[in-house]
Amino acid sequence: MRRTEAHQGVRMIKFSSILSRYEAAEFSQAEAAELLGIGERTFRRWRQRFEDEGEAGLLDRRLGKASGKRVPSIGAMRWRRCIARVTRVSRPSIFMSIW
């Protein structure tokens, strides 16, 4: 099990516990959000998703998807070649040409 998946399970358990106490009027919405370490708006969103979709609504939807910041493999190869060219240039010759 990955660390993110374990963290997600803990988050679901904590959320369902605090939500049940919120619904029993033990906590205000602000207190429940503070206990979870999230904002009130996020708590409202999570609560709505939990009501609509159950525990599946609390799953992190980003897991298993490629990052939008990921460099394409062809671009990464070009980048490595560029870095290799730059590091081959000797530093003293660059500075000597300035003087």
PDB file of N, CA and C in Angstrom:
ATOM      1  N   MET A   1       0.844  -1.174   0.000  1.00  0.00           N
ATOM      2  CA  MET A   1       0.000   0.000   0.000  1.00  0.00           C
ATOM      3  C   MET A   1       0.893   1.243   0.000  1.00  0.00           C
ATOM      4  N   ARG A   2       0.566   2.181  -0.853  1.00  0.00           N
ATOM      5  CA  ARG A   2       1.317   3.421  -0.922  1.00  0.00           C
ATOM      6  C   ARG A   2       0.979   4.329   0.248  1.00  0.00           C
ATOM      7  N   ARG A   3       1.881   5.236   0.495  1.00  0.00           N
ATOM      8  CA  ARG A   3       1.679   6.193   1.591  1.00  0.00           C
ATOM      9  C   ARG A   3       0.446   7.055   1.345  1.00  0.00           C
ATOM     10  N   THR A   4       0.240   7.488   0.103  1.00  0.00           N
ATOM     11  CA  THR A   4      -0.914   8.339  -0.210  1.00  0.00           C
ATOM     12  C   THR A   4      -2.227   7.598  -0.002  1.00  0.00           C
ATOM     13  N   GLU A   5      -2.247   6.316  -0.336  1.00  0.00           N
ATOM     14  CA  GLU A   5      -3.469   5.531  -0.144  1.00  0.00           C
ATOM     15  C   GLU A   5      -3.769   5.338   1.337  1.00  0.00           C
ATOM     16  N   ALA A   6      -2.723   5.128   2.126  1.00  0.00           N
ATOM     17  CA  ALA A   6      -2.912   4.990   3.570  1.00  0.00           C
ATOM     18  C   ALA A   6      -3.410   6.296   4.170  1.00  0.00           C
ATOM     19  N   HIS A   7      -2.835   7.402   3.728  1.00  0.00           N
ATOM     20  CA  HIS A   7      -3.252   8.720   4.208  1.00  0.00           C
ATOM     21  C   HIS A   7      -4.721   8.976   3.854  1.00  0.00           C
ATOM     22  N   GLN A   8      -5.104   8.553   2.669  1.00  0.00           N
ATOM     23  CA  GLN A   8      -6.483   8.715   2.216  1.00  0.00           C
ATOM     24  C   GLN A   8      -7.446   7.934   3.105  1.00  0.00           C
ATOM     25  N   GLY A   9      -7.083   6.729   3.493  1.00  0.00           N
ATOM     26  CA  GLY A   9      -7.916   5.927   4.378  1.00  0.00           C
ATOM     27  C   GLY A   9      -8.080   6.564   5.740  1.00  0.00           C
ATOM     28  N   VAL A  10      -6.995   7.104   6.265  1.00  0.00           N
ATOM     29  CA  VAL A  10      -7.048   7.790   7.557  1.00  0.00           C
ATOM     30  C   VAL A  10      -7.958   9.006   7.459  1.00  0.00           C
ATOM     31  N   ARG A  11      -7.835   9.749   6.357  1.00  0.00           N
ATOM     32  CA  ARG A  11      -8.679  10.933   6.155  1.00  0.00           C
ATOM     33  C   ARG A  11     -10.154  10.556   6.135  1.00  0.00           C
ATOM     34  N   MET A  12     -10.495   9.456   5.473  1.00  0.00           N
ATOM     35  CA  MET A  12     -11.898   9.020   5.411  1.00  0.00           C
ATOM     36  C   MET A  12     -12.423   8.653   6.789  1.00  0.00           C
ATOM     37  N   ILE A  13     -11.608   7.954   7.576  1.00  0.00           N
ATOM     38  CA  ILE A  13     -12.033   7.554   8.919  1.00  0.00           C
ATOM     39  C   ILE A  13     -12.244   8.781   9.792  1.00  0.00           C
ATOM     40  N   LYS A  14     -11.280   9.707   9.756  1.00  0.00           N
ATOM     41  CA  LYS A  14     -11.408  10.927  10.552  1.00  0.00           C
ATOM     42  C   LYS A  14     -12.632  11.734  10.125  1.00  0.00           C
ATOM     43  N   PHE A  15     -12.820  11.858   8.812  1.00  0.00           N
ATOM     44  CA  PHE A  15     -13.938  12.654   8.309  1.00  0.00           C
ATOM     45  C   PHE A  15     -15.273  12.055   8.736  1.00  0.00           C
ATOM     46  N   SER A  16     -15.436  10.754   8.568  1.00  0.00           N
ATOM     47  CA  SER A  16     -16.717  10.139   8.923  1.00  0.00           C
ATOM     48  C   SER A  16     -16.985  10.254  10.426  1.00  0.00           C
ATOM     49  N   SER A  17     -15.943  10.151  11.242  1.00  0.00           N
ATOM     50  CA  SER A  17     -16.100  10.299  12.691  1.00  0.00           C
ATOM     51  C   SER A  17     -16.521  11.723  13.052  1.00  0.00           C
ATOM     52  N   ILE A  18     -15.826  12.690  12.497  1.00  0.00           N
ATOM     53  CA  ILE A  18     -16.147  14.092  12.805  1.00  0.00           C
ATOM     54  C   ILE A  18     -17.479  14.494  12.197  1.00  0.00           C
ATOM     55  N   LEU A  19     -17.802  13.968  11.015  1.00  0.00           N
ATOM     56  CA  LEU A  19     -19.097  14.279  10.398  1.00  0.00           C
ATOM     57  C   LEU A  19     -20.243  13.782  11.259  1.00  0.00           C
ATOM     58  N   SER A  20     -20.126  12.586  11.802  1.00  0.00           N
ATOM     59  CA  SER A  20     -21.206  12.067  12.644  1.00  0.00           C
ATOM     60  C   SER A  20     -21.369  12.921  13.901  1.00  0.00           C
ATOM     61  N   ARG A  21     -20.270  13.390  14.444  1.00  0.00           N
ATOM     62  CA  ARG A  21     -20.358  14.270  15.614  1.00  0.00           C
ATOM     63  C   ARG A  21     -20.895  15.643  15.241  1.00  0.00           C
ATOM     64  N   TYR A  22     -20.571  16.126  14.036  1.00  0.00           N
ATOM     65  CA  TYR A  22     -21.119  17.394  13.541  1.00  0.00           C
ATOM     66  C   TYR A  22     -22.633  17.280  13.377  1.00  0.00           C
ATOM     67  N   GLU A  23     -23.073  16.170  12.795  1.00  0.00           N
ATOM     68  CA  GLU A  23     -24.509  15.967  12.590  1.00  0.00           C
ATOM     69  C   GLU A  23     -25.263  15.808  13.908  1.00  0.00           C
ATOM     70  N   ALA A  24     -24.584  15.351  14.960  1.00  0.00           N
ATOM     71  CA  ALA A  24     -25.190  15.240  16.288  1.00  0.00           C
ATOM     72  C   ALA A  24     -25.116  16.573  17.038  1.00  0.00           C
ATOM     73  N   ALA A  25     -24.685  17.616  16.357  1.00  0.00           N
ATOM     74  CA  ALA A  25     -24.593  18.981  16.890  1.00  0.00           C
ATOM     75  C   ALA A  25     -23.574  19.104  18.025  1.00  0.00           C
ATOM     76  N   GLU A  26     -22.545  18.259  18.016  1.00  0.00           N
ATOM     77  CA  GLU A  26     -21.471  18.389  18.994  1.00  0.00           C
ATOM     78  C   GLU A  26     -20.472  19.460  18.564  1.00  0.00           C
ATOM     79  N   PHE A  27     -20.335  19.648  17.248  1.00  0.00           N
ATOM     80  CA  PHE A  27     -19.407  20.627  16.697  1.00  0.00           C
ATOM     81  C   PHE A  27     -20.140  21.570  15.766  1.00  0.00           C
ATOM     82  N   SER A  28     -19.604  22.779  15.653  1.00  0.00           N
ATOM     83  CA  SER A  28     -20.061  23.669  14.586  1.00  0.00           C
ATOM     84  C   SER A  28     -19.288  23.290  13.328  1.00  0.00           C
ATOM     85  N   GLN A  29     -19.686  23.858  12.230  1.00  0.00           N
ATOM     86  CA  GLN A  29     -19.003  23.571  10.971  1.00  0.00           C
ATOM     87  C   GLN A  29     -17.556  24.053  11.039  1.00  0.00           C
ATOM     88  N   ALA A  30     -17.334  25.214  11.638  1.00  0.00           N
ATOM     89  CA  ALA A  30     -15.977  25.756  11.754  1.00  0.00           C
ATOM     90  C   ALA A  30     -15.104  24.856  12.631  1.00  0.00           C
ATOM     91  N   GLU A  31     -15.659  24.341  13.716  1.00  0.00           N
ATOM     92  CA  GLU A  31     -14.888  23.468  14.603  1.00  0.00           C
ATOM     93  C   GLU A  31     -14.552  22.147  13.923  1.00  0.00           C
ATOM     94  N   ALA A  32     -15.506  21.598  13.194  1.00  0.00           N
ATOM     95  CA  ALA A  32     -15.269  20.345  12.484  1.00  0.00           C
ATOM     96  C   ALA A  32     -14.176  20.527  11.432  1.00  0.00           C
ATOM     97  N   ALA A  33     -14.238  21.637  10.703  1.00  0.00           N
ATOM     98  CA  ALA A  33     -13.220  21.911   9.686  1.00  0.00           C
ATOM     99  C   ALA A  33     -11.853  22.089  10.329  1.00  0.00           C
ATOM    100  N   GLU A  34     -11.805  22.773  11.465  1.00  0.00           N
ATOM    101  CA  GLU A  34     -10.533  22.988  12.149  1.00  0.00           C
ATOM    102  C   GLU A  34      -9.937  21.667  12.636  1.00  0.00           C
ATOM    103  N   LEU A  35     -10.765  20.778  13.141  1.00  0.00           N
ATOM    104  CA  LEU A  35     -10.275  19.472  13.587  1.00  0.00           C
ATOM    105  C   LEU A  35      -9.684  18.661  12.438  1.00  0.00           C
ATOM    106  N   LEU A  36     -10.251  18.827  11.257  1.00  0.00           N
ATOM    107  CA  LEU A  36      -9.743  18.110  10.081  1.00  0.00           C
ATOM    108  C   LEU A  36      -8.553  18.821   9.435  1.00  0.00           C
ATOM    109  N   GLY A  37      -8.327  20.063   9.832  1.00  0.00           N
ATOM    110  CA  GLY A  37      -7.223  20.819   9.258  1.00  0.00           C
ATOM    111  C   GLY A  37      -7.539  21.362   7.876  1.00  0.00           C
ATOM    112  N   ILE A  38      -8.802  21.652   7.629  1.00  0.00           N
ATOM    113  CA  ILE A  38      -9.246  22.171   6.327  1.00  0.00           C
ATOM    114  C   ILE A  38     -10.092  23.411   6.572  1.00  0.00           C
ATOM    115  N   GLY A  39     -10.437  24.107   5.525  1.00  0.00           N
ATOM    116  CA  GLY A  39     -11.299  25.273   5.626  1.00  0.00           C
ATOM    117  C   GLY A  39     -12.771  24.877   5.685  1.00  0.00           C
ATOM    118  N   GLU A  40     -13.599  25.840   6.092  1.00  0.00           N
ATOM    119  CA  GLU A  40     -15.040  25.572   6.171  1.00  0.00           C
ATOM    120  C   GLU A  40     -15.621  25.220   4.806  1.00  0.00           C
ATOM    121  N   ARG A  41     -15.184  25.938   3.774  1.00  0.00           N
ATOM    122  CA  ARG A  41     -15.697  25.681   2.430  1.00  0.00           C
ATOM    123  C   ARG A  41     -15.340  24.266   1.981  1.00  0.00           C
ATOM    124  N   THR A  42     -14.128  23.827   2.272  1.00  0.00           N
ATOM    125  CA  THR A  42     -13.716  22.468   1.916  1.00  0.00           C
ATOM    126  C   THR A  42     -14.545  21.452   2.687  1.00  0.00           C
ATOM    127  N   PHE A  43     -14.821  21.742   3.950  1.00  0.00           N
ATOM    128  CA  PHE A  43     -15.656  20.833   4.749  1.00  0.00           C
ATOM    129  C   PHE A  43     -17.044  20.710   4.122  1.00  0.00           C
ATOM    130  N   ARG A  44     -17.617  21.829   3.699  1.00  0.00           N
ATOM    131  CA  ARG A  44     -18.940  21.779   3.058  1.00  0.00           C
ATOM    132  C   ARG A  44     -18.892  20.967   1.766  1.00  0.00           C
ATOM    133  N   ARG A  45     -17.833  21.152   0.981  1.00  0.00           N
ATOM    134  CA  ARG A  45     -17.687  20.394  -0.270  1.00  0.00           C
ATOM    135  C   ARG A  45     -17.557  18.902   0.012  1.00  0.00           C
ATOM    136  N   TRP A  46     -16.708  18.544   0.972  1.00  0.00           N
ATOM    137  CA  TRP A  46     -16.527  17.137   1.312  1.00  0.00           C
ATOM    138  C   TRP A  46     -17.826  16.537   1.824  1.00  0.00           C
ATOM    139  N   ARG A  47     -18.541  17.293   2.656  1.00  0.00           N
ATOM    140  CA  ARG A  47     -19.794  16.789   3.207  1.00  0.00           C
ATOM    141  C   ARG A  47     -20.806  16.534   2.090  1.00  0.00           C
ATOM    142  N   GLN A  48     -20.889  17.443   1.125  1.00  0.00           N
ATOM    143  CA  GLN A  48     -21.803  17.279  -0.007  1.00  0.00           C
ATOM    144  C   GLN A  48     -21.408  16.073  -0.856  1.00  0.00           C
ATOM    145  N   ARG A  49     -20.112  15.929  -1.132  1.00  0.00           N
ATOM    146  CA  ARG A  49     -19.646  14.782  -1.918  1.00  0.00           C
ATOM    147  C   ARG A  49     -19.898  13.480  -1.177  1.00  0.00           C
ATOM    148  N   PHE A  50     -19.756  13.493   0.147  1.00  0.00           N
ATOM    149  CA  PHE A  50     -20.003  12.292   0.946  1.00  0.00           C
ATOM    150  C   PHE A  50     -21.479  11.923   0.893  1.00  0.00           C
ATOM    151  N   GLU A  51     -22.362  12.913   0.954  1.00  0.00           N
ATOM    152  CA  GLU A  51     -23.802  12.652   0.871  1.00  0.00           C
ATOM    153  C   GLU A  51     -24.191  12.145  -0.518  1.00  0.00           C
ATOM    154  N   ASP A  52     -23.594  12.703  -1.550  1.00  0.00           N
ATOM    155  CA  ASP A  52     -23.932  12.318  -2.924  1.00  0.00           C
ATOM    156  C   ASP A  52     -23.354  10.968  -3.334  1.00  0.00           C
ATOM    157  N   GLU A  53     -22.071  10.729  -2.993  1.00  0.00           N
ATOM    158  CA  GLU A  53     -21.361   9.563  -3.513  1.00  0.00           C
ATOM    159  C   GLU A  53     -20.911   8.568  -2.449  1.00  0.00           C
ATOM    160  N   GLY A  54     -21.116   8.882  -1.187  1.00  0.00           N
ATOM    161  CA  GLY A  54     -20.647   8.004  -0.123  1.00  0.00           C
ATOM    162  C   GLY A  54     -19.144   8.128   0.046  1.00  0.00           C
ATOM    163  N   GLU A  55     -18.503   7.077   0.546  1.00  0.00           N
ATOM    164  CA  GLU A  55     -17.053   7.129   0.780  1.00  0.00           C
ATOM    165  C   GLU A  55     -16.266   7.319  -0.508  1.00  0.00           C
ATOM    166  N   ALA A  56     -16.803   6.883  -1.619  1.00  0.00           N
ATOM    167  CA  ALA A  56     -16.112   7.054  -2.906  1.00  0.00           C
ATOM    168  C   ALA A  56     -15.949   8.534  -3.244  1.00  0.00           C
ATOM    169  N   GLY A  57     -16.832   9.375  -2.742  1.00  0.00           N
ATOM    170  CA  GLY A  57     -16.733  10.808  -2.987  1.00  0.00           C
ATOM    171  C   GLY A  57     -15.554  11.454  -2.297  1.00  0.00           C
ATOM    172  N   LEU A  58     -15.012  10.794  -1.277  1.00  0.00           N
ATOM    173  CA  LEU A  58     -13.882  11.351  -0.545  1.00  0.00           C
ATOM    174  C   LEU A  58     -12.537  10.910  -1.105  1.00  0.00           C
ATOM    175  N   LEU A  59     -12.541   9.983  -2.058  1.00  0.00           N
ATOM    176  CA  LEU A  59     -11.286   9.515  -2.640  1.00  0.00           C
ATOM    177  C   LEU A  59     -10.609  10.641  -3.399  1.00  0.00           C
ATOM    178  N   ASP A  60      -9.292  10.688  -3.319  1.00  0.00           N
ATOM    179  CA  ASP A  60      -8.517  11.692  -4.029  1.00  0.00           C
ATOM    180  C   ASP A  60      -8.566  11.360  -5.512  1.00  0.00           C
ATOM    181  N   ARG A  61      -9.119  12.240  -6.277  1.00  0.00           N
ATOM    182  CA  ARG A  61      -9.311  11.981  -7.714  1.00  0.00           C
ATOM    183  C   ARG A  61      -8.039  12.144  -8.527  1.00  0.00           C
ATOM    184  N   ARG A  62      -6.993  12.697  -7.900  1.00  0.00           N
ATOM    185  CA  ARG A  62      -5.735  12.899  -8.611  1.00  0.00           C
ATOM    186  C   ARG A  62      -4.885  11.638  -8.653  1.00  0.00           C
ATOM    187  N   LEU A  63      -5.122  10.690  -7.747  1.00  0.00           N
ATOM    188  CA  LEU A  63      -4.290   9.494  -7.681  1.00  0.00           C
ATOM    189  C   LEU A  63      -4.399   8.681  -8.962  1.00  0.00           C
ATOM    190  N   GLY A  64      -3.271   8.224  -9.449  1.00  0.00           N
ATOM    191  CA  GLY A  64      -3.241   7.392 -10.645  1.00  0.00           C
ATOM    192  C   GLY A  64      -3.204   8.174 -11.941  1.00  0.00           C
ATOM    193  N   LYS A  65      -3.229   9.511 -11.853  1.00  0.00           N
ATOM    194  CA  LYS A  65      -3.171  10.330 -13.063  1.00  0.00           C
ATOM    195  C   LYS A  65      -1.792  10.960 -13.175  1.00  0.00           C
ATOM    196  N   ALA A  66      -1.357  11.170 -14.393  1.00  0.00           N
ATOM    197  CA  ALA A  66      -0.067  11.803 -14.622  1.00  0.00           C
ATOM    198  C   ALA A  66      -0.140  13.270 -14.223  1.00  0.00           C
ATOM    199  N   SER A  67       0.953  13.784 -13.728  1.00  0.00           N
ATOM    200  CA  SER A  67       1.028  15.182 -13.340  1.00  0.00           C
ATOM    201  C   SER A  67       0.973  16.075 -14.566  1.00  0.00           C
ATOM    202  N   GLY A  68       0.345  17.206 -14.429  1.00  0.00           N
ATOM    203  CA  GLY A  68       0.312  18.175 -15.521  1.00  0.00           C
ATOM    204  C   GLY A  68       1.663  18.831 -15.740  1.00  0.00           C
ATOM    205  N   LYS A  69       2.550  18.722 -14.757  1.00  0.00           N
ATOM    206  CA  LYS A  69       3.875  19.318 -14.847  1.00  0.00           C
ATOM    207  C   LYS A  69       4.919  18.340 -15.373  1.00  0.00           C
ATOM    208  N   ARG A  70       4.509  17.144 -15.670  1.00  0.00           N
ATOM    209  CA  ARG A  70       5.451  16.107 -16.097  1.00  0.00           C
ATOM    210  C   ARG A  70       6.020  16.447 -17.479  1.00  0.00           C
ATOM    211  N   VAL A  71       7.327  16.269 -17.626  1.00  0.00           N
ATOM    212  CA  VAL A  71       8.001  16.533 -18.891  1.00  0.00           C
ATOM    213  C   VAL A  71       7.820  15.327 -19.795  1.00  0.00           C
ATOM    214  N   PRO A  72       7.396  15.530 -21.044  1.00  0.00           N
ATOM    215  CA  PRO A  72       7.289  14.392 -21.968  1.00  0.00           C
ATOM    216  C   PRO A  72       8.655  13.726 -22.143  1.00  0.00           C
ATOM    217  N   SER A  73       8.658  12.433 -22.410  1.00  0.00           N
ATOM    218  CA  SER A  73       9.920  11.694 -22.471  1.00  0.00           C
ATOM    219  C   SER A  73      10.846  12.228 -23.564  1.00  0.00           C
ATOM    220  N   ILE A  74      10.322  12.655 -24.700  1.00  0.00           N
ATOM    221  CA  ILE A  74      11.164  13.201 -25.765  1.00  0.00           C
ATOM    222  C   ILE A  74      11.777  14.518 -25.303  1.00  0.00           C
ATOM    223  N   GLY A  75      10.981  15.338 -24.657  1.00  0.00           N
ATOM    224  CA  GLY A  75      11.484  16.604 -24.139  1.00  0.00           C
ATOM    225  C   GLY A  75      12.549  16.396 -23.081  1.00  0.00           C
ATOM    226  N   ALA A  76      12.399  15.371 -22.278  1.00  0.00           N
ATOM    227  CA  ALA A  76      13.376  15.083 -21.230  1.00  0.00           C
ATOM    228  C   ALA A  76      14.707  14.680 -21.846  1.00  0.00           C
ATOM    229  N   MET A  77      14.663  13.902 -22.915  1.00  0.00           N
ATOM    230  CA  MET A  77      15.911  13.494 -23.576  1.00  0.00           C
ATOM    231  C   MET A  77      16.621  14.708 -24.168  1.00  0.00           C
ATOM    232  N   ARG A  78      15.869  15.610 -24.800  1.00  0.00           N
ATOM    233  CA  ARG A  78      16.476  16.815 -25.363  1.00  0.00           C
ATOM    234  C   ARG A  78      17.078  17.672 -24.259  1.00  0.00           C
ATOM    235  N   TRP A  79      16.379  17.765 -23.161  1.00  0.00           N
ATOM    236  CA  TRP A  79      16.843  18.553 -22.027  1.00  0.00           C
ATOM    237  C   TRP A  79      18.157  17.986 -21.480  1.00  0.00           C
ATOM    238  N   ARG A  80      18.245  16.673 -21.361  1.00  0.00           N
ATOM    239  CA  ARG A  80      19.476  16.046 -20.870  1.00  0.00           C
ATOM    240  C   ARG A  80      20.653  16.326 -21.813  1.00  0.00           C
ATOM    241  N   ARG A  81      20.397  16.255 -23.129  1.00  0.00           N
ATOM    242  CA  ARG A  81      21.464  16.537 -24.094  1.00  0.00           C
ATOM    243  C   ARG A  81      21.930  17.986 -23.980  1.00  0.00           C
ATOM    244  N   CYS A  82      20.998  18.879 -23.795  1.00  0.00           N
ATOM    245  CA  CYS A  82      21.327  20.298 -23.659  1.00  0.00           C
ATOM    246  C   CYS A  82      22.180  20.530 -22.419  1.00  0.00           C
ATOM    247  N   ILE A  83      21.802  19.931 -21.317  1.00  0.00           N
ATOM    248  CA  ILE A  83      22.565  20.053 -20.072  1.00  0.00           C
ATOM    249  C   ILE A  83      23.957  19.469 -20.249  1.00  0.00           C
ATOM    250  N   ALA A  84      24.044  18.333 -20.939  1.00  0.00           N
ATOM    251  CA  ALA A  84      25.344  17.695 -21.169  1.00  0.00           C
ATOM    252  C   ALA A  84      26.260  18.616 -21.973  1.00  0.00           C
ATOM    253  N   ARG A  85      25.710  19.313 -22.986  1.00  0.00           N
ATOM    254  CA  ARG A  85      26.513  20.242 -23.785  1.00  0.00           C
ATOM    255  C   ARG A  85      27.011  21.403 -22.937  1.00  0.00           C
ATOM    256  N   VAL A  86      26.149  21.932 -22.117  1.00  0.00           N
ATOM    257  CA  VAL A  86      26.516  23.078 -21.289  1.00  0.00           C
ATOM    258  C   VAL A  86      27.584  22.703 -20.279  1.00  0.00           C
ATOM    259  N   THR A  87      27.473  21.532 -19.689  1.00  0.00           N
ATOM    260  CA  THR A  87      28.455  21.129 -18.672  1.00  0.00           C
ATOM    261  C   THR A  87      29.796  20.740 -19.287  1.00  0.00           C
ATOM    262  N   ARG A  88      29.830  20.436 -20.583  1.00  0.00           N
ATOM    263  CA  ARG A  88      31.097  20.110 -21.243  1.00  0.00           C
ATOM    264  C   ARG A  88      31.970  21.345 -21.453  1.00  0.00           C
ATOM    265  N   VAL A  89      31.359  22.502 -21.536  1.00  0.00           N
ATOM    266  CA  VAL A  89      32.118  23.740 -21.741  1.00  0.00           C
ATOM    267  C   VAL A  89      32.904  24.014 -20.465  1.00  0.00           C
ATOM    268  N   SER A  90      34.180  24.245 -20.617  1.00  0.00           N
ATOM    269  CA  SER A  90      34.997  24.472 -19.416  1.00  0.00           C
ATOM    270  C   SER A  90      34.772  25.890 -18.906  1.00  0.00           C
ATOM    271  N   ARG A  91      34.615  26.011 -17.642  1.00  0.00           N
ATOM    272  CA  ARG A  91      34.329  27.303 -17.015  1.00  0.00           C
ATOM    273  C   ARG A  91      35.468  28.318 -17.167  1.00  0.00           C
ATOM    274  N   PRO A  92      36.729  27.931 -16.991  1.00  0.00           N
ATOM    275  CA  PRO A  92      37.797  28.946 -17.107  1.00  0.00           C
ATOM    276  C   PRO A  92      37.817  29.621 -18.464  1.00  0.00           C
ATOM    277  N   SER A  93      37.534  28.873 -19.543  1.00  0.00           N
ATOM    278  CA  SER A  93      37.570  29.484 -20.864  1.00  0.00           C
ATOM    279  C   SER A  93      36.475  30.531 -21.027  1.00  0.00           C
ATOM    280  N   ILE A  94      35.339  30.332 -20.378  1.00  0.00           N
ATOM    281  CA  ILE A  94      34.263  31.317 -20.447  1.00  0.00           C
ATOM    282  C   ILE A  94      34.706  32.601 -19.762  1.00  0.00           C
ATOM    283  N   PHE A  95      35.298  32.463 -18.598  1.00  0.00           N
ATOM    284  CA  PHE A  95      35.694  33.641 -17.831  1.00  0.00           C
ATOM    285  C   PHE A  95      36.908  34.334 -18.469  1.00  0.00           C
ATOM    286  N   MET A  96      37.775  33.562 -19.080  1.00  0.00           N
ATOM    287  CA  MET A  96      38.952  34.149 -19.716  1.00  0.00           C
ATOM    288  C   MET A  96      38.566  34.977 -20.935  1.00  0.00           C
ATOM    289  N   SER A  97      37.508  34.598 -21.626  1.00  0.00           N
ATOM    290  CA  SER A  97      37.098  35.352 -22.804  1.00  0.00           C
ATOM    291  C   SER A  97      36.511  36.709 -22.424  1.00  0.00           C
ATOM    292  N   ILE A  98      36.010  36.831 -21.199  1.00  0.00           N
ATOM    293  CA  ILE A  98      35.451  38.088 -20.741  1.00  0.00           C
ATOM    294  C   ILE A  98      36.572  39.086 -20.453  1.00  0.00           C
ATOM    295  N   TRP A  99      37.694  38.593 -19.904  1.00  0.00           N
ATOM    296  CA  TRP A  99      38.805  39.483 -19.536  1.00  0.00           C
ATOM    297  C   TRP A  99      39.496  39.882 -20.771  1.00  0.00           C
TER     298      TRP A  99
END
